[in-house]
Every structure is written in C-alpha cells, then in structure tokens.
Amino acid sequence: MKNNTLAGCLITLIIGTFIVLIFIGLTFWTDRTLDFWCSYFSGHTINVPLWLSALTSIISNGVMLILNIISEIVRLCM
C-alpha cells in the first residue's frame, strides 16, 4: 500500500511540475507577443508587465495559445 501511495504522489508531482512549466512558458510567450503588438500599434517601445501577461494567459488560456501562434506567423511575414 505504501508503494502505491508513493507512486501516486510522484505522478502528481510530475504532472504538477509539467503544468507549471507550461504555464511559465506560455506567460513569457504571451509577454513577448503583447510587447510586440503594443509597440507596433503605438509606434514606440512598450514593455507590458509580466503580471499582466500572466493574468492574460490565465484568463484566455487556449485562445492565447492560438493567438500566440498566429502572431508568430504574422511577425515572420512582416
């Protein structure tokens, strides 16, 4: 019984770590995208705060992933 509990905790820890790492990566990618588009439309350099990018990633998780991919493609074409 103790072996199964240890395996369950290990699996939970691995999955939780994976989710946190994915969230951190998405947050930095969202920050880069928001910095680019805000700077592009305003005409001067704008640095969007990281907490705002994290909040945007939390609220619009799946949508932001799609927008980040589309944004990368558009930036490559510019």
N, C-alpha and C. Protein backbone atom coordinates (compact mmCIF):
# COMPACT_ATOMS: atom_id res chain seq x y z
N MET A 1 0.82 -1.20 0.00
CA MET A 1 0.00 0.00 0.00
C MET A 1 0.86 1.25 0.00
N LYS A 2 1.95 1.23 0.75
CA LYS A 2 2.82 2.40 0.83
C LYS A 2 3.48 2.68 -0.52
N ASN A 3 3.79 1.65 -1.26
CA ASN A 3 4.41 1.81 -2.58
C ASN A 3 3.46 2.51 -3.55
N ASN A 4 2.18 2.16 -3.52
CA ASN A 4 1.19 2.79 -4.41
C ASN A 4 1.00 4.25 -4.06
N THR A 5 1.03 4.59 -2.78
CA THR A 5 0.88 5.97 -2.35
C THR A 5 2.06 6.81 -2.81
N LEU A 6 3.25 6.24 -2.70
CA LEU A 6 4.45 6.95 -3.15
C LEU A 6 4.43 7.17 -4.66
N ALA A 7 3.99 6.18 -5.40
CA ALA A 7 3.91 6.32 -6.86
C ALA A 7 2.86 7.37 -7.23
N GLY A 8 1.74 7.38 -6.52
CA GLY A 8 0.70 8.36 -6.80
C GLY A 8 1.17 9.78 -6.52
N CYS A 9 1.91 9.96 -5.44
CA CYS A 9 2.45 11.29 -5.11
C CYS A 9 3.48 11.73 -6.15
N LEU A 10 4.29 10.79 -6.59
CA LEU A 10 5.32 11.11 -7.58
C LEU A 10 4.69 11.51 -8.91
N ILE A 11 3.66 10.77 -9.32
CA ILE A 11 2.98 11.10 -10.57
C ILE A 11 2.30 12.46 -10.48
N THR A 12 1.67 12.74 -9.34
CA THR A 12 1.02 14.04 -9.13
C THR A 12 2.06 15.16 -9.16
N LEU A 13 3.19 14.95 -8.55
CA LEU A 13 4.26 15.95 -8.54
C LEU A 13 4.80 16.19 -9.95
N ILE A 14 4.98 15.16 -10.71
CA ILE A 14 5.49 15.29 -12.08
C ILE A 14 4.48 16.05 -12.95
N ILE A 15 3.21 15.70 -12.85
CA ILE A 15 2.18 16.37 -13.64
C ILE A 15 2.06 17.83 -13.23
N GLY A 16 2.08 18.11 -11.92
CA GLY A 16 2.00 19.49 -11.44
C GLY A 16 3.18 20.32 -11.91
N THR A 17 4.38 19.76 -11.87
CA THR A 17 5.57 20.46 -12.36
C THR A 17 5.47 20.74 -13.85
N PHE A 18 4.98 19.77 -14.60
CA PHE A 18 4.81 19.94 -16.04
C PHE A 18 3.83 21.08 -16.34
N ILE A 19 2.71 21.14 -15.61
CA ILE A 19 1.71 22.19 -15.82
C ILE A 19 2.30 23.56 -15.49
N VAL A 20 3.05 23.65 -14.39
CA VAL A 20 3.66 24.93 -14.01
C VAL A 20 4.67 25.38 -15.06
N LEU A 21 5.48 24.47 -15.58
CA LEU A 21 6.47 24.83 -16.60
C LEU A 21 5.79 25.27 -17.90
N ILE A 22 4.72 24.61 -18.28
CA ILE A 22 3.96 25.02 -19.47
C ILE A 22 3.38 26.41 -19.27
N PHE A 23 2.83 26.68 -18.07
CA PHE A 23 2.26 27.99 -17.77
C PHE A 23 3.32 29.09 -17.82
N ILE A 24 4.51 28.81 -17.28
CA ILE A 24 5.59 29.81 -17.31
C ILE A 24 6.01 30.10 -18.75
N GLY A 25 6.15 29.06 -19.55
CA GLY A 25 6.50 29.25 -20.95
C GLY A 25 5.45 30.04 -21.71
N LEU A 26 4.18 29.72 -21.48
CA LEU A 26 3.09 30.45 -22.14
C LEU A 26 3.05 31.90 -21.70
N THR A 27 3.35 32.16 -20.43
CA THR A 27 3.35 33.53 -19.92
C THR A 27 4.44 34.36 -20.59
N PHE A 28 5.65 33.81 -20.71
CA PHE A 28 6.72 34.56 -21.37
C PHE A 28 6.45 34.75 -22.86
N TRP A 29 5.83 33.75 -23.49
CA TRP A 29 5.48 33.89 -24.90
C TRP A 29 4.40 34.95 -25.08
N THR A 30 3.41 34.97 -24.20
CA THR A 30 2.36 35.98 -24.23
C THR A 30 2.95 37.37 -23.98
N ASP A 31 3.91 37.47 -23.06
CA ASP A 31 4.55 38.75 -22.78
C ASP A 31 5.26 39.28 -24.03
N ARG A 32 5.95 38.40 -24.72
CA ARG A 32 6.65 38.80 -25.95
C ARG A 32 5.66 39.26 -27.01
N THR A 33 4.54 38.55 -27.14
CA THR A 33 3.52 38.91 -28.12
C THR A 33 2.87 40.24 -27.79
N LEU A 34 2.50 40.44 -26.52
CA LEU A 34 1.88 41.70 -26.13
C LEU A 34 2.84 42.87 -26.27
N ASP A 35 4.12 42.66 -25.91
CA ASP A 35 5.12 43.72 -26.09
C ASP A 35 5.23 44.12 -27.55
N PHE A 36 5.27 43.13 -28.43
CA PHE A 36 5.41 43.41 -29.86
C PHE A 36 4.22 44.19 -30.40
N TRP A 37 3.00 43.69 -30.14
CA TRP A 37 1.83 44.33 -30.73
C TRP A 37 1.54 45.70 -30.14
N CYS A 38 1.76 45.87 -28.85
CA CYS A 38 1.56 47.20 -28.24
C CYS A 38 2.58 48.19 -28.79
N SER A 39 3.81 47.75 -28.97
CA SER A 39 4.84 48.61 -29.55
C SER A 39 4.55 48.91 -31.02
N TYR A 40 4.07 47.91 -31.73
CA TYR A 40 3.78 48.07 -33.15
C TYR A 40 2.68 49.11 -33.37
N PHE A 41 1.60 49.01 -32.61
CA PHE A 41 0.47 49.91 -32.80
C PHE A 41 0.71 51.30 -32.23
N SER A 42 1.55 51.43 -31.21
CA SER A 42 1.79 52.75 -30.61
C SER A 42 2.92 53.51 -31.30
N GLY A 43 3.81 52.79 -31.96
CA GLY A 43 4.91 53.45 -32.65
C GLY A 43 6.16 53.64 -31.81
N HIS A 44 6.11 53.29 -30.54
CA HIS A 44 7.30 53.35 -29.69
C HIS A 44 7.32 52.12 -28.78
N THR A 45 8.46 51.86 -28.18
CA THR A 45 8.64 50.65 -27.39
C THR A 45 7.79 50.68 -26.12
N ILE A 46 7.05 49.63 -25.93
CA ILE A 46 6.22 49.47 -24.73
C ILE A 46 6.56 48.12 -24.10
N ASN A 47 6.75 48.12 -22.79
CA ASN A 47 7.01 46.88 -22.07
C ASN A 47 5.79 46.56 -21.20
N VAL A 48 5.05 45.55 -21.59
CA VAL A 48 3.89 45.11 -20.83
C VAL A 48 4.39 44.37 -19.59
N PRO A 49 3.86 44.68 -18.41
CA PRO A 49 4.31 43.99 -17.20
C PRO A 49 4.05 42.48 -17.27
N LEU A 50 4.96 41.72 -16.67
CA LEU A 50 4.85 40.26 -16.71
C LEU A 50 3.59 39.78 -15.99
N TRP A 51 3.19 40.48 -14.93
CA TRP A 51 1.98 40.05 -14.20
C TRP A 51 0.75 40.19 -15.08
N LEU A 52 0.74 41.19 -15.96
CA LEU A 52 -0.39 41.36 -16.87
C LEU A 52 -0.41 40.25 -17.92
N SER A 53 0.76 39.86 -18.36
CA SER A 53 0.85 38.75 -19.31
C SER A 53 0.41 37.44 -18.66
N ALA A 54 0.79 37.24 -17.40
CA ALA A 54 0.37 36.03 -16.67
C ALA A 54 -1.14 36.02 -16.49
N LEU A 55 -1.71 37.16 -16.16
CA LEU A 55 -3.16 37.26 -15.99
C LEU A 55 -3.88 36.99 -17.31
N THR A 56 -3.34 37.51 -18.39
CA THR A 56 -3.91 37.27 -19.71
C THR A 56 -3.83 35.79 -20.07
N SER A 57 -2.71 35.15 -19.73
CA SER A 57 -2.56 33.73 -20.01
C SER A 57 -3.52 32.88 -19.20
N ILE A 58 -3.79 33.28 -17.96
CA ILE A 58 -4.72 32.52 -17.11
C ILE A 58 -6.15 32.67 -17.62
N ILE A 59 -6.54 33.90 -17.93
CA ILE A 59 -7.93 34.16 -18.32
C ILE A 59 -8.24 33.56 -19.69
N SER A 60 -7.33 33.73 -20.64
CA SER A 60 -7.61 33.26 -22.01
C SER A 60 -6.60 32.21 -22.42
N ASN A 61 -6.56 31.12 -21.70
CA ASN A 61 -5.55 30.10 -21.86
C ASN A 61 -5.48 29.53 -23.28
N GLY A 62 -6.51 28.88 -23.74
CA GLY A 62 -6.49 28.26 -25.06
C GLY A 62 -6.49 29.28 -26.19
N VAL A 63 -7.25 30.35 -25.99
CA VAL A 63 -7.32 31.41 -27.00
C VAL A 63 -5.95 32.07 -27.16
N MET A 64 -5.27 32.31 -26.05
CA MET A 64 -3.97 32.97 -26.10
C MET A 64 -2.94 32.10 -26.80
N LEU A 65 -3.02 30.79 -26.63
CA LEU A 65 -2.10 29.90 -27.33
C LEU A 65 -2.28 30.03 -28.84
N ILE A 66 -3.51 30.05 -29.29
CA ILE A 66 -3.80 30.20 -30.72
C ILE A 66 -3.35 31.58 -31.22
N LEU A 67 -3.62 32.63 -30.44
CA LEU A 67 -3.19 33.97 -30.83
C LEU A 67 -1.68 34.10 -30.87
N ASN A 68 -0.98 33.44 -29.95
CA ASN A 68 0.48 33.46 -29.97
C ASN A 68 1.03 32.81 -31.24
N ILE A 69 0.43 31.70 -31.63
CA ILE A 69 0.87 31.00 -32.86
C ILE A 69 0.61 31.87 -34.08
N ILE A 70 -0.59 32.45 -34.17
CA ILE A 70 -0.91 33.33 -35.29
C ILE A 70 0.00 34.55 -35.30
N SER A 71 0.29 35.10 -34.13
CA SER A 71 1.16 36.26 -34.03
C SER A 71 2.57 35.97 -34.51
N GLU A 72 3.08 34.78 -34.17
CA GLU A 72 4.42 34.39 -34.63
C GLU A 72 4.46 34.30 -36.15
N ILE A 73 3.42 33.73 -36.74
CA ILE A 73 3.37 33.59 -38.20
C ILE A 73 3.31 34.98 -38.85
N VAL A 74 2.48 35.87 -38.29
CA VAL A 74 2.37 37.23 -38.84
C VAL A 74 3.70 37.98 -38.72
N ARG A 75 4.36 37.83 -37.59
CA ARG A 75 5.65 38.52 -37.41
C ARG A 75 6.71 38.01 -38.37
N LEU A 76 6.68 36.72 -38.68
CA LEU A 76 7.63 36.19 -39.64
C LEU A 76 7.36 36.73 -41.05
N CYS A 77 6.11 37.01 -41.36
CA CYS A 77 5.74 37.53 -42.68
C CYS A 77 5.98 39.03 -42.81
N MET A 78 6.14 39.74 -41.70
CA MET A 78 6.31 41.21 -41.76
C MET A 78 7.68 41.56 -42.21
